[in-house]
Each structure stands twice: as C-alpha cells, then as structure tokens.
Amino acid sequence: MENILLQPVSLVREVLSISKKWEWAHELWGFKVLKCFPDSCCKLSCQILAYYLSENSIVPQAEITFIVNATRQWNGCKWISGNMFESNVQSHAWLRIKNWEVDITADQFNDQTRKIIIEKKSKWHRTFKSYDVCQYPEGMSFNEVFENDFHIFYRKAFLSNNNLRENRLLFSHRKKVTSNK
C-alpha cells in the first residue's frame, strides 16, 4: 500500500505546500487557512487528499476513512496561525486507508518532523486517544458555498495547465499500478 500511495500523496502535499503563495486560493471560502499549511488545515488537507485519491482511481472511496476530531493531552504550547495557543489538548485529522494511517500535516506538531506518514499502526497516531471516524463520502460533506469553492480549488490546483507535469506523473503512476494488478 505504501508503494501505491507515496507518489500521489507526495504530490498532493507539494501542491498544498505551494498553495501558500496562491492569492486566488485564499479568496475562496474556507481556503484562507492554507496560508498556514500544514498548521491548522489537517481536515481540509484530508478532504483534498481523499478526493484526489478517489478521483484518480488510486483508492476506491469505500477504502477511505476519515479520522477527525482526534485529541490528545499535551503539555506545553504551540504556534497556530501566528498566535501563541496555550492548551494541554491538541486536535488533528488524517486518513486511514486499509488500516494504513496516511497523514500529510503531522509536521505541524512539535513532536513530529515527518512531512508524510504512511504506515500501519502508527505509534505517533496512537497518542491521540479520542477521535471520530467517518467513511467517504460522509467526510466530504460541505455546505453549498464551500463545495463550489472546493471544486474551484481542485480544478485550478490539480487540473490546470500549470500542473500538467504533475498530472503526467500521476498518469504514469496509474499505469504502473494498473499493470501490476
């Protein structure tokens, strides 16, 4: 599973990282948070990643699970969106695909330096004791305005001419996966 996911997950992480610079994206309802990527945008990042994996037939929707509102006790403080946040509770969201934890925003936390986590039974994710679980498409439920802006972001970020090189990488990856079945 890690071999199948690494390239497309890395691509989505890279696009979201670059999106910090896209003023057009920050004007979309709910996307201003991407200025702070990876901080404070784990749920949105999960939704974008899940949609990408599903739309490109990398992972069937039925195999995508959202882990949201995950919380853990944590001593100390942390920077969130440029403001000092004092709390002993942290929250997070990530995807679970066939018992693999898939996370592209874990490095927002002080105790995690990996930008991408794709692993079974992640010790780090087990530090979050309480969480909600929902399947695709439930984890993709939006209000009408956000849904429209989500699709605008997705089209511009992943399907525009500016990203043809990345899309070619995806298609070559899909051919390899298909030929290995």
C-alpha atoms as a PDB file:
ATOM      1  CA  MET A   1       0.000   0.000   0.000  1.00  0.00           C
ATOM      2  CA  GLU A   2       2.827   2.411   0.830  1.00  0.00           C
ATOM      3  CA  ASN A   3       4.287   1.918  -2.665  1.00  0.00           C
ATOM      4  CA  ILE A   4       0.941   2.747  -4.262  1.00  0.00           C
ATOM      5  CA  LEU A   5       0.299   5.825  -2.117  1.00  0.00           C
ATOM      6  CA  LEU A   6       3.683   7.519  -1.763  1.00  0.00           C
ATOM      7  CA  GLN A   7       3.837   9.318  -5.118  1.00  0.00           C
ATOM      8  CA  PRO A   8       0.261  10.675  -5.241  1.00  0.00           C
ATOM      9  CA  VAL A   9       0.288  11.588  -1.528  1.00  0.00           C
ATOM     10  CA  SER A  10       3.606  13.419  -2.016  1.00  0.00           C
ATOM     11  CA  LEU A  11       2.159  15.269  -4.994  1.00  0.00           C
ATOM     12  CA  VAL A  12      -0.885  16.460  -3.007  1.00  0.00           C
ATOM     13  CA  ARG A  13       1.367  17.524  -0.114  1.00  0.00           C
ATOM     14  CA  GLU A  14       3.542  19.515  -2.535  1.00  0.00           C
ATOM     15  CA  VAL A  15       0.568  21.232  -4.194  1.00  0.00           C
ATOM     16  CA  LEU A  16      -0.853  22.212  -0.787  1.00  0.00           C
ATOM     17  CA  SER A  17       2.552  23.497   0.274  1.00  0.00           C
ATOM     18  CA  ILE A  18       2.793  25.656  -2.859  1.00  0.00           C
ATOM     19  CA  SER A  19      -0.778  26.893  -2.347  1.00  0.00           C
ATOM     20  CA  LYS A  20       0.501  29.164   0.463  1.00  0.00           C
ATOM     21  CA  LYS A  21       1.540  31.545  -2.333  1.00  0.00           C
ATOM     22  CA  TRP A  22      -1.695  31.446  -4.344  1.00  0.00           C
ATOM     23  CA  GLU A  23      -3.715  34.567  -3.564  1.00  0.00           C
ATOM     24  CA  TRP A  24      -6.639  33.242  -5.643  1.00  0.00           C
ATOM     25  CA  ALA A  25      -6.890  30.231  -3.324  1.00  0.00           C
ATOM     26  CA  HIS A  26      -7.008  32.382  -0.194  1.00  0.00           C
ATOM     27  CA  GLU A  27     -10.013  34.234  -1.581  1.00  0.00           C
ATOM     28  CA  LEU A  28     -12.058  31.020  -1.708  1.00  0.00           C
ATOM     29  CA  TRP A  29     -14.384  30.418   1.231  1.00  0.00           C
ATOM     30  CA  GLY A  30     -12.609  28.204   3.771  1.00  0.00           C
ATOM     31  CA  PHE A  31      -9.255  28.096   1.954  1.00  0.00           C
ATOM     32  CA  LYS A  32      -7.518  31.040   3.625  1.00  0.00           C
ATOM     33  CA  VAL A  33      -6.229  28.543   6.185  1.00  0.00           C
ATOM     34  CA  LEU A  34      -3.880  27.142   3.503  1.00  0.00           C
ATOM     35  CA  LYS A  35      -1.656  30.195   4.050  1.00  0.00           C
ATOM     36  CA  CYS A  36      -0.563  28.392   7.212  1.00  0.00           C
ATOM     37  CA  PHE A  37      -0.102  24.924   5.690  1.00  0.00           C
ATOM     38  CA  PRO A  38       0.477  22.457   7.322  1.00  0.00           C
ATOM     39  CA  ASP A  39      -0.719  24.182  10.510  1.00  0.00           C
ATOM     40  CA  SER A  40      -4.429  24.244  11.259  1.00  0.00           C
ATOM     41  CA  CYS A  41      -5.586  22.716   7.977  1.00  0.00           C
ATOM     42  CA  CYS A  42      -5.474  18.973   8.592  1.00  0.00           C
ATOM     43  CA  LYS A  43      -9.175  18.331   7.888  1.00  0.00           C
ATOM     44  CA  LEU A  44      -9.199  20.354   4.654  1.00  0.00           C
ATOM     45  CA  SER A  45      -5.974  18.632   3.596  1.00  0.00           C
ATOM     46  CA  CYS A  46      -7.569  15.227   4.280  1.00  0.00           C
ATOM     47  CA  GLN A  47     -10.571  16.156   2.157  1.00  0.00           C
ATOM     48  CA  ILE A  48      -8.388  17.294  -0.730  1.00  0.00           C
ATOM     49  CA  LEU A  49      -6.194  14.190  -0.473  1.00  0.00           C
ATOM     50  CA  ALA A  50      -9.188  11.825  -0.262  1.00  0.00           C
ATOM     51  CA  TYR A  51     -10.844  13.474  -3.255  1.00  0.00           C
ATOM     52  CA  TYR A  52      -7.618  13.296  -5.273  1.00  0.00           C
ATOM     53  CA  LEU A  53      -7.067   9.606  -4.464  1.00  0.00           C
ATOM     54  CA  SER A  54     -10.672   8.785  -5.316  1.00  0.00           C
ATOM     55  CA  GLU A  55     -10.991  10.904  -8.463  1.00  0.00           C
ATOM     56  CA  ASN A  56      -7.801   9.449  -9.916  1.00  0.00           C
ATOM     57  CA  SER A  57      -8.803   5.838  -9.151  1.00  0.00           C
ATOM     58  CA  ILE A  58      -5.845   5.305  -6.849  1.00  0.00           C
ATOM     59  CA  VAL A  59      -8.005   4.225  -3.906  1.00  0.00           C
ATOM     60  CA  PRO A  60     -11.690   3.278  -4.030  1.00  0.00           C
ATOM     61  CA  GLN A  61     -13.958   5.507  -1.934  1.00  0.00           C
ATOM     62  CA  ALA A  62     -15.029   2.530   0.179  1.00  0.00           C
ATOM     63  CA  GLU A  63     -11.452   2.141   1.449  1.00  0.00           C
ATOM     64  CA  ILE A  64     -11.065   5.769   2.591  1.00  0.00           C
ATOM     65  CA  THR A  65     -11.799   6.545   6.245  1.00  0.00           C
ATOM     66  CA  PHE A  66     -11.524   9.985   7.826  1.00  0.00           C
ATOM     67  CA  ILE A  67     -10.142  10.182  11.361  1.00  0.00           C
ATOM     68  CA  VAL A  68     -11.308  13.582  12.635  1.00  0.00           C
ATOM     69  CA  ASN A  69     -11.538  15.480  15.910  1.00  0.00           C
ATOM     70  CA  ALA A  70      -8.688  13.353  17.234  1.00  0.00           C
ATOM     71  CA  THR A  71      -7.488  14.742  20.560  1.00  0.00           C
ATOM     72  CA  ARG A  72      -4.662  14.128  22.966  1.00  0.00           C
ATOM     73  CA  GLN A  73      -3.321  15.651  26.159  1.00  0.00           C
ATOM     74  CA  TRP A  74      -0.131  17.569  25.586  1.00  0.00           C
ATOM     75  CA  ASN A  75       1.881  19.701  27.991  1.00  0.00           C
ATOM     76  CA  GLY A  76       3.206  22.964  26.669  1.00  0.00           C
ATOM     77  CA  CYS A  77       2.199  25.372  23.974  1.00  0.00           C
ATOM     78  CA  LYS A  78       2.384  25.571  20.220  1.00  0.00           C
ATOM     79  CA  TRP A  79       2.174  28.135  17.468  1.00  0.00           C
ATOM     80  CA  ILE A  80      -1.037  28.087  15.491  1.00  0.00           C
ATOM     81  CA  SER A  81      -1.609  30.585  12.688  1.00  0.00           C
ATOM     82  CA  GLY A  82       0.912  33.023  14.136  1.00  0.00           C
ATOM     83  CA  ASN A  83      -0.750  33.191  17.570  1.00  0.00           C
ATOM     84  CA  MET A  84       0.502  31.530  20.722  1.00  0.00           C
ATOM     85  CA  PHE A  85      -2.050  28.949  21.775  1.00  0.00           C
ATOM     86  CA  GLU A  86      -1.838  27.726  25.354  1.00  0.00           C
ATOM     87  CA  SER A  87      -3.541  24.411  25.888  1.00  0.00           C
ATOM     88  CA  ASN A  88      -2.950  20.889  27.013  1.00  0.00           C
ATOM     89  CA  VAL A  89      -5.268  19.472  24.329  1.00  0.00           C
ATOM     90  CA  GLN A  90      -4.329  19.131  20.670  1.00  0.00           C
ATOM     91  CA  SER A  91      -6.611  18.053  17.848  1.00  0.00           C
ATOM     92  CA  HIS A  92      -5.833  16.523  14.480  1.00  0.00           C
ATOM     93  CA  ALA A  93      -7.264  14.721  11.432  1.00  0.00           C
ATOM     94  CA  TRP A  94      -5.834  12.189   8.984  1.00  0.00           C
ATOM     95  CA  LEU A  95      -6.929   9.413   6.628  1.00  0.00           C
ATOM     96  CA  ARG A  96      -6.957   5.680   7.193  1.00  0.00           C
ATOM     97  CA  ILE A  97      -6.771   3.557   4.067  1.00  0.00           C
ATOM     98  CA  LYS A  98      -6.928  -0.234   4.513  1.00  0.00           C
ATOM     99  CA  ASN A  99      -5.521   0.058   8.076  1.00  0.00           C
ATOM    100  CA  TRP A 100      -2.742   2.403   6.921  1.00  0.00           C
ATOM    101  CA  GLU A 101      -2.530   5.822   8.592  1.00  0.00           C
ATOM    102  CA  VAL A 102      -1.999   8.468   5.880  1.00  0.00           C
ATOM    103  CA  ASP A 103      -1.108  11.929   7.141  1.00  0.00           C
ATOM    104  CA  ILE A 104       0.238  14.963   5.252  1.00  0.00           C
ATOM    105  CA  THR A 105       0.069  17.524   8.076  1.00  0.00           C
ATOM    106  CA  ALA A 106       1.612  15.734  11.082  1.00  0.00           C
ATOM    107  CA  ASP A 107       4.658  18.017  10.964  1.00  0.00           C
ATOM    108  CA  GLN A 108       2.535  20.866  12.328  1.00  0.00           C
ATOM    109  CA  PHE A 109       3.127  19.304  15.759  1.00  0.00           C
ATOM    110  CA  ASN A 110       6.295  19.841  17.782  1.00  0.00           C
ATOM    111  CA  ASP A 111       6.861  16.121  18.327  1.00  0.00           C
ATOM    112  CA  GLN A 112       6.646  15.099  14.654  1.00  0.00           C
ATOM    113  CA  THR A 113       9.080  16.070  11.892  1.00  0.00           C
ATOM    114  CA  ARG A 114       7.921  13.776   9.083  1.00  0.00           C
ATOM    115  CA  LYS A 115       6.008  15.641   6.383  1.00  0.00           C
ATOM    116  CA  ILE A 116       4.268  12.487   5.193  1.00  0.00           C
ATOM    117  CA  ILE A 117       3.293   9.467   7.242  1.00  0.00           C
ATOM    118  CA  ILE A 118       2.092   6.303   5.537  1.00  0.00           C
ATOM    119  CA  GLU A 119       2.296   3.415   7.960  1.00  0.00           C
ATOM    120  CA  LYS A 120       0.347   0.687   9.677  1.00  0.00           C
ATOM    121  CA  LYS A 121      -0.342   1.097  13.393  1.00  0.00           C
ATOM    122  CA  SER A 122       1.491   4.404  13.672  1.00  0.00           C
ATOM    123  CA  LYS A 123       2.793   4.871  17.216  1.00  0.00           C
ATOM    124  CA  TRP A 124       2.525   8.618  16.834  1.00  0.00           C
ATOM    125  CA  HIS A 125      -1.141   8.490  15.788  1.00  0.00           C
ATOM    126  CA  ARG A 126      -1.909   6.251  18.754  1.00  0.00           C
ATOM    127  CA  THR A 127      -1.071   9.208  21.037  1.00  0.00           C
ATOM    128  CA  PHE A 128      -4.487  10.585  20.001  1.00  0.00           C
ATOM    129  CA  LYS A 129      -6.845   8.716  22.306  1.00  0.00           C
ATOM    130  CA  SER A 130     -10.206  10.053  21.233  1.00  0.00           C
ATOM    131  CA  TYR A 131     -11.453  10.576  17.679  1.00  0.00           C
ATOM    132  CA  ASP A 132     -14.405  10.349  15.327  1.00  0.00           C
ATOM    133  CA  VAL A 133     -14.453   8.056  12.304  1.00  0.00           C
ATOM    134  CA  CYS A 134     -16.422   8.581   9.109  1.00  0.00           C
ATOM    135  CA  GLN A 135     -16.287   6.969   5.696  1.00  0.00           C
ATOM    136  CA  TYR A 136     -16.028   8.596   2.308  1.00  0.00           C
ATOM    137  CA  PRO A 137     -18.294  10.358   1.168  1.00  0.00           C
ATOM    138  CA  GLU A 138     -19.563  11.384   4.645  1.00  0.00           C
ATOM    139  CA  GLY A 139     -16.201  13.029   5.360  1.00  0.00           C
ATOM    140  CA  MET A 140     -16.657  15.121   2.232  1.00  0.00           C
ATOM    141  CA  SER A 141     -19.916  16.786   3.302  1.00  0.00           C
ATOM    142  CA  PHE A 142     -19.824  20.554   2.717  1.00  0.00           C
ATOM    143  CA  ASN A 143     -22.227  23.436   2.597  1.00  0.00           C
ATOM    144  CA  GLU A 144     -23.053  24.610  -0.937  1.00  0.00           C
ATOM    145  CA  VAL A 145     -20.651  27.582  -0.956  1.00  0.00           C
ATOM    146  CA  PHE A 146     -17.725  25.554   0.339  1.00  0.00           C
ATOM    147  CA  GLU A 147     -18.431  22.692  -2.062  1.00  0.00           C
ATOM    148  CA  ASN A 148     -18.337  25.080  -5.014  1.00  0.00           C
ATOM    149  CA  ASP A 149     -15.064  26.637  -3.818  1.00  0.00           C
ATOM    150  CA  PHE A 150     -13.619  23.175  -3.101  1.00  0.00           C
ATOM    151  CA  HIS A 151     -14.140  22.199  -6.755  1.00  0.00           C
ATOM    152  CA  ILE A 152     -12.714  25.536  -7.998  1.00  0.00           C
ATOM    153  CA  PHE A 153      -9.605  24.944  -5.890  1.00  0.00           C
ATOM    154  CA  TYR A 154      -9.269  21.343  -7.046  1.00  0.00           C
ATOM    155  CA  ARG A 155      -9.609  22.219 -10.750  1.00  0.00           C
ATOM    156  CA  LYS A 156      -7.120  25.072 -10.580  1.00  0.00           C
ATOM    157  CA  ALA A 157      -4.619  23.281  -8.342  1.00  0.00           C
ATOM    158  CA  PHE A 158      -4.641  19.852  -9.938  1.00  0.00           C
ATOM    159  CA  LEU A 159      -6.114  20.099 -13.427  1.00  0.00           C
ATOM    160  CA  SER A 160      -4.876  23.439 -14.791  1.00  0.00           C
ATOM    161  CA  ASN A 161      -2.192  23.745 -17.462  1.00  0.00           C
ATOM    162  CA  ASN A 162       0.235  24.934 -14.790  1.00  0.00           C
ATOM    163  CA  ASN A 163       0.157  21.470 -13.248  1.00  0.00           C
ATOM    164  CA  LEU A 164       0.395  19.320 -16.383  1.00  0.00           C
ATOM    165  CA  ARG A 165       3.798  17.992 -15.376  1.00  0.00           C
ATOM    166  CA  GLU A 166       2.461  16.739 -12.040  1.00  0.00           C
ATOM    167  CA  ASN A 167      -0.581  15.234 -13.748  1.00  0.00           C
ATOM    168  CA  ARG A 168       1.687  13.374 -16.172  1.00  0.00           C
ATOM    169  CA  LEU A 169       3.495  11.917 -13.143  1.00  0.00           C
ATOM    170  CA  LEU A 170       0.169  10.742 -11.786  1.00  0.00           C
ATOM    171  CA  PHE A 171      -0.873   9.130 -15.051  1.00  0.00           C
ATOM    172  CA  SER A 172       2.450   7.299 -15.348  1.00  0.00           C
ATOM    173  CA  HIS A 173       1.968   6.130 -11.760  1.00  0.00           C
ATOM    174  CA  ARG A 174      -1.569   4.891 -12.525  1.00  0.00           C
ATOM    175  CA  LYS A 175      -0.261   2.902 -15.498  1.00  0.00           C
ATOM    176  CA  LYS A 176       2.295   1.160 -13.244  1.00  0.00           C
ATOM    177  CA  VAL A 177      -0.314   0.349 -10.616  1.00  0.00           C
ATOM    178  CA  THR A 178      -2.753  -0.956 -13.229  1.00  0.00           C
ATOM    179  CA  SER A 179      -0.116  -3.098 -14.901  1.00  0.00           C
ATOM    180  CA  ASN A 180       0.882  -4.610 -11.512  1.00  0.00           C
ATOM    181  CA  LYS A 181      -2.646  -5.908 -10.802  1.00  0.00           C
END
